[in-house]
C-alpha atoms as a PDB file:
ATOM      1  CA  MET A   1      -4.024 -18.249   7.232  1.00  0.00           C
ATOM      2  CA  ALA A   2      -5.177 -15.370   5.153  1.00  0.00           C
ATOM      3  CA  GLU A   3      -4.536 -11.709   6.315  1.00  0.00           C
ATOM      4  CA  THR A   4      -7.712  -9.722   7.317  1.00  0.00           C
ATOM      5  CA  LYS A   5      -8.274  -6.694   4.993  1.00  0.00           C
ATOM      6  CA  LEU A   6      -8.479  -3.379   6.443  1.00  0.00           C
ATOM      7  CA  TYR A   7     -10.667  -1.116   4.482  1.00  0.00           C
ATOM      8  CA  PRO A   8     -10.464   2.905   4.981  1.00  0.00           C
ATOM      9  CA  LYS A   9     -13.499   4.567   6.099  1.00  0.00           C
ATOM     10  CA  GLY A  10     -14.676   7.418   3.520  1.00  0.00           C
ATOM     11  CA  LEU A  11     -13.748   5.220   0.435  1.00  0.00           C
ATOM     12  CA  THR A  12     -16.465   3.424  -1.358  1.00  0.00           C
ATOM     13  CA  THR A  13     -16.212   1.826  -4.891  1.00  0.00           C
ATOM     14  CA  PHE A  14     -19.104   0.963  -7.211  1.00  0.00           C
ATOM     15  CA  ALA A  15     -18.796  -1.627 -10.137  1.00  0.00           C
ATOM     16  CA  LYS A  16     -18.627   0.095 -13.778  1.00  0.00           C
ATOM     17  CA  ASN A  17     -21.952   0.862 -15.199  1.00  0.00           C
ATOM     18  CA  GLU A  18     -22.787  -1.409 -17.991  1.00  0.00           C
ATOM     19  CA  LYS A  19     -22.815   1.293 -20.388  1.00  0.00           C
ATOM     20  CA  ALA A  20     -19.456   2.730 -19.570  1.00  0.00           C
ATOM     21  CA  PRO A  21     -16.549   2.212 -22.073  1.00  0.00           C
ATOM     22  CA  ASP A  22     -13.928  -0.658 -21.479  1.00  0.00           C
ATOM     23  CA  TRP A  23     -11.541   1.354 -20.134  1.00  0.00           C
ATOM     24  CA  VAL A  24     -13.511   2.475 -16.974  1.00  0.00           C
ATOM     25  CA  LEU A  25     -13.121  -0.083 -14.212  1.00  0.00           C
ATOM     26  CA  GLY A  26     -15.590   1.541 -11.751  1.00  0.00           C
ATOM     27  CA  THR A  27     -15.965   4.651  -9.757  1.00  0.00           C
ATOM     28  CA  LEU A  28     -14.273   5.466  -6.299  1.00  0.00           C
ATOM     29  CA  VAL A  29     -16.409   7.894  -3.983  1.00  0.00           C
ATOM     30  CA  VAL A  30     -14.146   9.851  -1.568  1.00  0.00           C
ATOM     31  CA  THR A  31     -16.131  11.394   1.574  1.00  0.00           C
ATOM     32  CA  PRO A  32     -13.169  13.738   2.909  1.00  0.00           C
ATOM     33  CA  LYS A  33     -14.422  14.149   6.360  1.00  0.00           C
ATOM     34  CA  THR A  34     -15.038  10.737   7.066  1.00  0.00           C
ATOM     35  CA  LEU A  35     -11.512   9.683   5.338  1.00  0.00           C
ATOM     36  CA  LEU A  36      -9.920  12.251   7.401  1.00  0.00           C
ATOM     37  CA  ASP A  37     -11.379  11.139  10.726  1.00  0.00           C
ATOM     38  CA  TRP A  38     -10.660   7.579  10.036  1.00  0.00           C
ATOM     39  CA  CYS A  39      -6.866   8.821   9.075  1.00  0.00           C
ATOM     40  CA  ASN A  40      -6.663  10.604  12.196  1.00  0.00           C
ATOM     41  CA  ASN A  41      -8.085   7.776  14.374  1.00  0.00           C
ATOM     42  CA  ASP A  42      -8.090   4.255  13.446  1.00  0.00           C
ATOM     43  CA  GLY A  43      -5.819   4.856  10.377  1.00  0.00           C
ATOM     44  CA  LYS A  44      -3.230   6.698  11.992  1.00  0.00           C
ATOM     45  CA  GLU A  45      -0.944   3.557  12.429  1.00  0.00           C
ATOM     46  CA  TRP A  46      -0.758   3.258   8.804  1.00  0.00           C
ATOM     47  CA  LEU A  47       0.224   6.724   7.955  1.00  0.00           C
ATOM     48  CA  THR A  48       3.879   7.094   6.675  1.00  0.00           C
ATOM     49  CA  ASP A  49       6.097  10.392   5.877  1.00  0.00           C
ATOM     50  CA  TYR A  50       7.005  10.746   2.263  1.00  0.00           C
ATOM     51  CA  LYS A  51       8.858  14.061   1.862  1.00  0.00           C
ATOM     52  CA  GLY A  52       7.420  15.647   4.702  1.00  0.00           C
ATOM     53  CA  SER A  53       3.801  15.010   4.071  1.00  0.00           C
ATOM     54  CA  ALA A  54       1.527  12.161   5.517  1.00  0.00           C
ATOM     55  CA  GLN A  55       0.356   9.488   3.132  1.00  0.00           C
ATOM     56  CA  ILE A  56      -1.472   6.277   3.332  1.00  0.00           C
ATOM     57  CA  LYS A  57      -0.573   3.439   0.800  1.00  0.00           C
ATOM     58  CA  LEU A  58      -3.916   1.828  -0.550  1.00  0.00           C
ATOM     59  CA  GLN A  59      -4.350  -1.239  -2.749  1.00  0.00           C
ATOM     60  CA  VAL A  60      -6.851  -1.588  -5.612  1.00  0.00           C
ATOM     61  CA  THR A  61      -7.934  -5.314  -5.683  1.00  0.00           C
ATOM     62  CA  LYS A  62     -10.649  -7.416  -7.151  1.00  0.00           C
ATOM     63  CA  GLY A  63     -12.551  -9.294  -4.620  1.00  0.00           C
ATOM     64  CA  LYS A  64     -14.129 -12.822  -4.711  1.00  0.00           C
ATOM     65  CA  ASP A  65     -17.200 -11.428  -6.322  1.00  0.00           C
ATOM     66  CA  GLY A  66     -15.138  -9.765  -8.866  1.00  0.00           C
ATOM     67  CA  LYS A  67     -15.777  -6.132  -7.573  1.00  0.00           C
ATOM     68  CA  LEU A  68     -13.155  -3.617  -7.161  1.00  0.00           C
ATOM     69  CA  GLN A  69     -11.964  -2.761  -3.434  1.00  0.00           C
ATOM     70  CA  ILE A  70      -9.700  -0.125  -1.781  1.00  0.00           C
ATOM     71  CA  ALA A  71      -7.780  -1.900   0.885  1.00  0.00           C
ATOM     72  CA  VAL A  72      -5.159  -0.501   3.278  1.00  0.00           C
ATOM     73  CA  ASP A  73      -1.432  -1.842   2.371  1.00  0.00           C
ATOM     74  CA  THR A  74      -0.564  -3.105   5.853  1.00  0.00           C
ATOM     75  CA  PHE A  75       2.849  -4.253   4.846  1.00  0.00           C
ATOM     76  CA  LYS A  76       5.549  -2.961   6.899  1.00  0.00           C
ATOM     77  CA  PRO A  77       9.141  -4.134   6.103  1.00  0.00           C
ATOM     78  CA  THR A  78      11.154  -5.661   8.864  1.00  0.00           C
ATOM     79  CA  LYS A  79      14.421  -3.453   9.476  1.00  0.00           C
ATOM     80  CA  GLN A  80      17.639  -5.146   9.704  1.00  0.00           C
ATOM     81  CA  PRO A  81      20.055  -4.207  12.725  1.00  0.00           C
ATOM     82  CA  ALA A  82      22.597  -1.629  11.362  1.00  0.00           C
ATOM     83  CA  SER A  83      25.437  -4.288  11.643  1.00  0.00           C
ATOM     84  CA  GLN A  84      23.423  -6.728   9.310  1.00  0.00           C
ATOM     85  CA  GLN A  85      23.208  -3.822   6.862  1.00  0.00           C
ATOM     86  CA  GLU A  86      26.821  -2.575   7.019  1.00  0.00           C
ATOM     87  CA  ALA A  87      28.047  -6.391   6.450  1.00  0.00           C
ATOM     88  CA  ALA A  88      25.307  -6.406   3.458  1.00  0.00           C
ATOM     89  CA  ALA A  89      26.960  -3.443   2.133  1.00  0.00           C
ATOM     90  CA  ASN A  90      30.664  -4.447   2.155  1.00  0.00           C
ATOM     91  CA  ASN A  91      29.941  -7.962   0.694  1.00  0.00           C
ATOM     92  CA  SER A  92      28.347  -6.373  -2.386  1.00  0.00           C
ATOM     93  CA  GLN A  93      31.163  -3.867  -2.684  1.00  0.00           C
ATOM     94  CA  SER A  94      33.895  -6.090  -2.365  1.00  0.00           C
ATOM     95  CA  ALA A  95      36.608  -5.840  -5.163  1.00  0.00           C
ATOM     96  CA  ASP A  96      37.203  -9.571  -5.579  1.00  0.00           C
ATOM     97  CA  ASP A  97      33.802 -10.865  -6.343  1.00  0.00           C
ATOM     98  CA  GLY A  98      35.057 -14.115  -8.165  1.00  0.00           C
ATOM     99  CA  LEU A  99      34.022 -12.956 -11.421  1.00  0.00           C
ATOM    100  CA  PRO A 100      36.741 -13.904 -14.292  1.00  0.00           C
ATOM    101  CA  PHE A 101      36.265 -10.159 -15.984  1.00  0.00           C
END
């Protein structure tokens, strides 16, 4: 089953102008107040910390209609229990890995 895309408020994409050069893919318009309001409310759960600053990871995708879209990257890795992480680290650091050299 396909996951429903989550689109942040305050970001709007437009197809490239027919006269634009090949290296132009389209236009992105940012409405700061709308984006900040969304980040502080509905989008808050998708904010992560990077070196002490809040950030949100977005994906640039192509829709079924061929237009560019900006969607929230909703992937959340599952965390392994500490005992499994330690076991994996110990297995990868073993001196006898079965290799002949």
